[in-house]
Protein backbone atom coordinates (compact mmCIF):
# COMPACT_ATOMS: atom_id res chain seq x y z
CA MET A 1 106.27 70.00 90.87
CA LEU A 2 105.31 73.39 89.46
CA LYS A 3 108.13 73.20 86.90
CA ARG A 4 106.86 69.80 85.77
CA ARG A 5 103.36 71.13 85.26
CA VAL A 6 104.67 74.10 83.32
CA ILE A 7 106.79 71.88 81.07
CA VAL A 8 103.96 69.41 80.43
CA ALA A 9 101.51 72.25 79.78
CA ALA A 10 103.97 73.90 77.39
CA ALA A 11 104.57 70.66 75.49
CA ILE A 12 100.84 69.96 75.20
CA GLY A 13 100.21 73.57 74.20
CA CYS A 14 102.83 73.32 71.45
CA VAL A 15 101.29 70.13 70.10
CA LEU A 16 97.70 71.31 70.30
CA GLY A 17 98.43 74.86 69.18
CA ALA A 18 100.51 73.76 66.23
CA GLY A 19 97.93 71.10 65.40
CA THR A 20 95.14 73.63 65.37
CA LEU A 21 97.17 76.03 63.28
CA ALA A 22 98.28 73.29 60.89
CA SER A 23 94.78 71.86 60.49
CA SER A 24 93.32 75.28 59.76
CA GLN A 25 95.97 76.14 57.16
CA ASP A 26 96.68 72.81 55.48
CA SER A 27 94.68 71.83 52.47
CA LYS A 28 93.92 68.20 51.85
CA PRO A 29 97.08 66.51 50.52
CA PRO A 30 96.72 64.95 47.08
CA THR A 31 97.57 61.54 48.55
CA ALA A 32 94.65 61.63 50.98
CA THR A 33 92.52 58.62 50.10
CA ARG A 34 90.12 58.67 53.01
CA PRO A 35 88.03 61.34 54.67
CA GLY A 36 89.86 62.82 57.62
CA LEU A 37 93.30 61.64 56.52
CA HIS A 38 94.40 65.25 56.22
CA LYS A 39 93.86 65.57 59.99
CA LEU A 40 96.44 62.81 60.52
CA TYR A 41 98.89 64.71 58.33
CA ALA A 42 98.28 67.86 60.39
CA ALA A 43 98.83 65.92 63.62
CA SER A 44 102.04 64.49 62.19
CA LYS A 45 103.30 67.99 61.38
CA ALA A 46 102.43 69.22 64.88
CA LEU A 47 104.30 66.30 66.43
CA GLU A 48 107.34 67.00 64.24
CA ASP A 49 107.30 70.59 65.49
CA ALA A 50 107.02 69.47 69.13
CA HIS A 51 109.85 66.98 68.57
CA ARG A 52 112.09 69.70 67.19
CA HIS A 53 111.27 72.11 70.03
CA LEU A 54 111.94 69.48 72.68
CA GLU A 55 115.26 68.50 71.11
CA ARG A 56 116.39 72.13 71.05
CA ALA A 57 115.29 72.97 74.60
CA GLU A 58 118.17 74.36 76.65
CA HIS A 59 117.41 72.50 79.88
CA ASP A 60 116.60 68.90 80.83
CA PHE A 61 114.00 69.97 83.42
CA GLY A 62 114.72 67.07 85.73
CA GLY A 63 114.37 64.47 82.99
CA HIS A 64 110.90 65.61 81.95
CA ARG A 65 112.07 66.96 78.60
CA ALA A 66 113.53 63.55 77.74
CA LYS A 67 110.31 61.81 78.83
CA ALA A 68 108.20 64.22 76.76
CA LEU A 69 110.47 63.63 73.76
CA GLU A 70 110.05 59.87 74.12
CA LEU A 71 106.26 60.24 74.29
CA VAL A 72 106.25 62.46 71.20
CA LYS A 73 108.29 59.80 69.35
CA GLN A 74 105.70 57.18 70.37
CA ALA A 75 102.89 59.43 69.16
CA GLU A 76 104.68 59.98 65.83
CA ALA A 77 104.94 56.21 65.38
CA GLU A 78 101.23 55.77 66.14
CA VAL A 79 100.24 58.45 63.64
CA LYS A 80 102.40 56.79 60.96
CA GLU A 81 100.68 53.47 61.66
CA ALA A 82 97.27 55.17 61.49
CA VAL A 83 98.12 56.68 58.09
CA ALA A 84 99.35 53.31 56.81
CA PHE A 85 96.16 51.65 58.06
CA ALA A 86 93.95 54.30 56.49
CA LYS A 87 95.71 53.94 53.15
CA ALA A 88 95.56 50.13 53.20
CA THR A 89 91.97 49.77 54.38
CA PRO A 90 89.07 50.77 52.13
CA PRO A 91 86.48 53.05 53.73
CA ALA A 92 83.47 51.32 55.24
CA ALA A 93 80.27 51.56 53.23
CA LYS A 94 77.70 53.97 54.67
CA GLN A 95 74.29 52.57 55.40
């Protein structure tokens, strides 16, 4: 149980830590068409890093590494859909 918590905490730390680092260093991409879209790009980069780390992990950790990898893949797909939505949908008018 302790190993599971350590693995989950490490995976979340990688994603959040890399996301914070990426969002603080990345400038707004030239393709950003909506406010905040650069945050989605930073999240995508953090998820790519987490994906790579999980794939290269030396142990399976009782199947938890595979489960974390699957969840990261799902998150990557959601972020891609969010970017596609943001690019296809015009920003709402402010009142």
